[in-house]
Amino acid sequence: MSFIGIGHNGPTSNKHDPDCYCLTCDRDIHHLGIMSHRAAHRRRNEDCTIEFSDGRTVSYNFSGTRK
């Protein structure tokens, strides 16, 4: 299954373009790096909201977590 054409990049996207989006950082991120990006928010105890390449938008509450 290909996600080409889905997300912020439009119909000219290819597999190397970022296809996820962090609304917290206002950054496009490749789907292979979005989990490590989310983990960076978790390490800093920051809440974040991410739009995935399949169209889901998920908010993560990390501000209440402790080490």
N, C-alpha and C. Protein backbone atom coordinates (compact mmCIF):
# COMPACT_ATOMS: atom_id res chain seq x y z
N MET A 1 0.84 -1.17 0.00
CA MET A 1 0.00 0.00 0.00
C MET A 1 0.89 1.24 0.00
N SER A 2 0.55 2.19 -0.79
CA SER A 2 1.34 3.41 -0.91
C SER A 2 0.55 4.59 -0.39
N PHE A 3 1.23 5.49 0.30
CA PHE A 3 0.59 6.69 0.80
C PHE A 3 0.92 7.90 -0.07
N ILE A 4 1.41 7.66 -1.27
CA ILE A 4 1.75 8.76 -2.16
C ILE A 4 0.49 9.58 -2.43
N GLY A 5 0.62 10.88 -2.28
CA GLY A 5 -0.50 11.76 -2.53
C GLY A 5 -1.36 12.03 -1.31
N ILE A 6 -1.05 11.39 -0.18
CA ILE A 6 -1.82 11.61 1.04
C ILE A 6 -0.96 12.46 1.97
N GLY A 7 -1.57 13.37 2.66
CA GLY A 7 -0.85 14.20 3.61
C GLY A 7 -0.64 15.60 3.10
N HIS A 8 0.38 16.26 3.59
CA HIS A 8 0.61 17.67 3.30
C HIS A 8 1.31 17.90 1.97
N ASN A 9 1.83 16.89 1.35
CA ASN A 9 2.66 17.10 0.18
C ASN A 9 1.92 17.00 -1.14
N GLY A 10 0.69 16.57 -1.12
CA GLY A 10 -0.11 16.54 -2.34
C GLY A 10 0.25 15.41 -3.28
N PRO A 11 -0.26 15.47 -4.50
CA PRO A 11 -0.15 14.35 -5.43
C PRO A 11 1.26 14.14 -6.00
N THR A 12 2.17 15.07 -5.79
CA THR A 12 3.51 14.90 -6.34
C THR A 12 4.48 14.28 -5.35
N SER A 13 4.00 13.80 -4.20
CA SER A 13 4.85 13.21 -3.18
C SER A 13 5.48 11.92 -3.68
N ASN A 14 6.60 11.58 -3.10
CA ASN A 14 7.17 10.27 -3.32
C ASN A 14 7.58 9.68 -1.98
N LYS A 15 8.14 8.49 -1.98
CA LYS A 15 8.40 7.79 -0.72
C LYS A 15 9.48 8.46 0.12
N HIS A 16 10.20 9.43 -0.42
CA HIS A 16 11.25 10.10 0.33
C HIS A 16 10.79 11.40 0.97
N ASP A 17 9.60 11.88 0.61
CA ASP A 17 9.08 13.13 1.16
C ASP A 17 8.50 12.88 2.55
N PRO A 18 8.57 13.90 3.43
CA PRO A 18 7.89 13.77 4.72
C PRO A 18 6.39 13.62 4.49
N ASP A 19 5.74 12.77 5.26
CA ASP A 19 4.32 12.55 5.06
C ASP A 19 3.53 12.56 6.36
N CYS A 20 4.18 12.85 7.47
CA CYS A 20 3.51 13.05 8.74
C CYS A 20 3.76 14.50 9.15
N TYR A 21 2.97 14.98 10.09
CA TYR A 21 3.08 16.39 10.46
C TYR A 21 2.91 16.53 11.96
N CYS A 22 3.83 17.22 12.61
CA CYS A 22 3.73 17.52 14.03
C CYS A 22 3.13 18.90 14.16
N LEU A 23 1.91 18.96 14.65
CA LEU A 23 1.24 20.24 14.82
C LEU A 23 1.88 21.06 15.94
N THR A 24 2.49 20.41 16.90
CA THR A 24 3.15 21.10 18.00
C THR A 24 4.37 21.87 17.51
N CYS A 25 5.17 21.24 16.67
CA CYS A 25 6.40 21.86 16.16
C CYS A 25 6.18 22.59 14.84
N ASP A 26 5.04 22.35 14.21
CA ASP A 26 4.76 22.89 12.88
C ASP A 26 5.81 22.40 11.88
N ARG A 27 6.04 21.06 11.89
CA ARG A 27 7.06 20.46 11.03
C ARG A 27 6.52 19.23 10.31
N ASP A 28 6.90 19.09 9.05
CA ASP A 28 6.65 17.86 8.31
C ASP A 28 7.75 16.87 8.66
N ILE A 29 7.37 15.61 8.88
CA ILE A 29 8.33 14.59 9.29
C ILE A 29 8.03 13.31 8.52
N HIS A 30 9.07 12.62 8.08
CA HIS A 30 8.92 11.35 7.36
C HIS A 30 8.32 10.31 8.30
N HIS A 31 7.51 9.42 7.75
CA HIS A 31 6.83 8.42 8.58
C HIS A 31 7.81 7.49 9.31
N LEU A 32 9.00 7.30 8.79
CA LEU A 32 9.97 6.44 9.48
C LEU A 32 10.61 7.13 10.69
N GLY A 33 10.48 8.45 10.79
CA GLY A 33 11.08 9.17 11.91
C GLY A 33 10.09 9.74 12.89
N ILE A 34 8.79 9.54 12.65
CA ILE A 34 7.79 10.19 13.49
C ILE A 34 7.77 9.62 14.90
N MET A 35 8.06 8.35 15.08
CA MET A 35 8.04 7.78 16.43
C MET A 35 9.21 8.29 17.28
N SER A 36 10.37 8.48 16.67
CA SER A 36 11.48 9.05 17.45
C SER A 36 11.22 10.53 17.73
N HIS A 37 10.52 11.22 16.84
CA HIS A 37 10.14 12.60 17.09
C HIS A 37 9.16 12.66 18.27
N ARG A 38 8.21 11.76 18.27
CA ARG A 38 7.25 11.69 19.39
C ARG A 38 7.98 11.38 20.69
N ALA A 39 8.97 10.49 20.64
CA ALA A 39 9.74 10.15 21.84
C ALA A 39 10.51 11.35 22.37
N ALA A 40 10.97 12.22 21.47
CA ALA A 40 11.67 13.43 21.91
C ALA A 40 10.72 14.32 22.72
N HIS A 41 9.47 14.43 22.29
CA HIS A 41 8.48 15.18 23.08
C HIS A 41 8.27 14.51 24.42
N ARG A 42 8.20 13.19 24.44
CA ARG A 42 8.00 12.45 25.69
C ARG A 42 9.16 12.67 26.65
N ARG A 43 10.41 12.65 26.14
CA ARG A 43 11.58 12.87 27.00
C ARG A 43 11.57 14.27 27.61
N ARG A 44 11.01 15.24 26.89
CA ARG A 44 10.95 16.62 27.38
C ARG A 44 9.65 16.89 28.14
N ASN A 45 8.84 15.85 28.35
CA ASN A 45 7.54 15.97 29.03
C ASN A 45 6.65 17.03 28.39
N GLU A 46 6.62 17.04 27.05
CA GLU A 46 5.79 17.98 26.30
C GLU A 46 4.61 17.24 25.67
N ASP A 47 3.45 17.83 25.74
CA ASP A 47 2.30 17.30 25.00
C ASP A 47 2.56 17.54 23.51
N CYS A 48 2.06 16.65 22.67
CA CYS A 48 2.21 16.87 21.23
C CYS A 48 1.01 16.31 20.48
N THR A 49 0.79 16.85 19.30
CA THR A 49 -0.28 16.41 18.42
C THR A 49 0.34 16.12 17.06
N ILE A 50 0.09 14.90 16.56
CA ILE A 50 0.71 14.45 15.31
C ILE A 50 -0.37 14.00 14.34
N GLU A 51 -0.23 14.43 13.09
CA GLU A 51 -1.09 13.96 12.01
C GLU A 51 -0.30 12.91 11.23
N PHE A 52 -0.81 11.69 11.21
CA PHE A 52 -0.12 10.59 10.55
C PHE A 52 -0.48 10.53 9.07
N SER A 53 0.29 9.77 8.32
CA SER A 53 0.11 9.69 6.87
C SER A 53 -1.23 9.08 6.47
N ASP A 54 -1.87 8.34 7.36
CA ASP A 54 -3.17 7.74 7.04
C ASP A 54 -4.33 8.68 7.36
N GLY A 55 -4.02 9.91 7.82
CA GLY A 55 -5.05 10.89 8.09
C GLY A 55 -5.45 11.02 9.55
N ARG A 56 -5.01 10.08 10.39
CA ARG A 56 -5.33 10.17 11.82
C ARG A 56 -4.58 11.33 12.46
N THR A 57 -5.23 12.04 13.36
CA THR A 57 -4.58 13.06 14.17
C THR A 57 -4.69 12.61 15.62
N VAL A 58 -3.54 12.46 16.28
CA VAL A 58 -3.51 11.92 17.63
C VAL A 58 -2.78 12.91 18.53
N SER A 59 -3.38 13.18 19.70
CA SER A 59 -2.75 14.02 20.71
C SER A 59 -2.19 13.13 21.82
N TYR A 60 -0.97 13.41 22.22
CA TYR A 60 -0.29 12.67 23.27
C TYR A 60 -0.08 13.58 24.46
N ASN A 61 -0.45 13.11 25.65
CA ASN A 61 -0.29 13.89 26.87
C ASN A 61 0.93 13.37 27.63
N PHE A 62 2.06 14.03 27.43
CA PHE A 62 3.28 13.65 28.11
C PHE A 62 3.63 14.60 29.25
N SER A 63 2.90 15.69 29.40
CA SER A 63 3.26 16.68 30.41
C SER A 63 3.03 16.15 31.83
N GLY A 64 2.22 15.14 31.98
CA GLY A 64 1.97 14.58 33.30
C GLY A 64 2.83 13.37 33.63
N THR A 65 3.74 12.98 32.72
CA THR A 65 4.56 11.80 32.95
C THR A 65 5.83 12.15 33.72
N ARG A 66 6.33 11.17 34.43
CA ARG A 66 7.58 11.34 35.18
C ARG A 66 8.55 10.25 34.79
N LYS A 67 9.82 10.48 35.07
CA LYS A 67 10.84 9.47 34.75
C LYS A 67 10.80 8.32 35.72
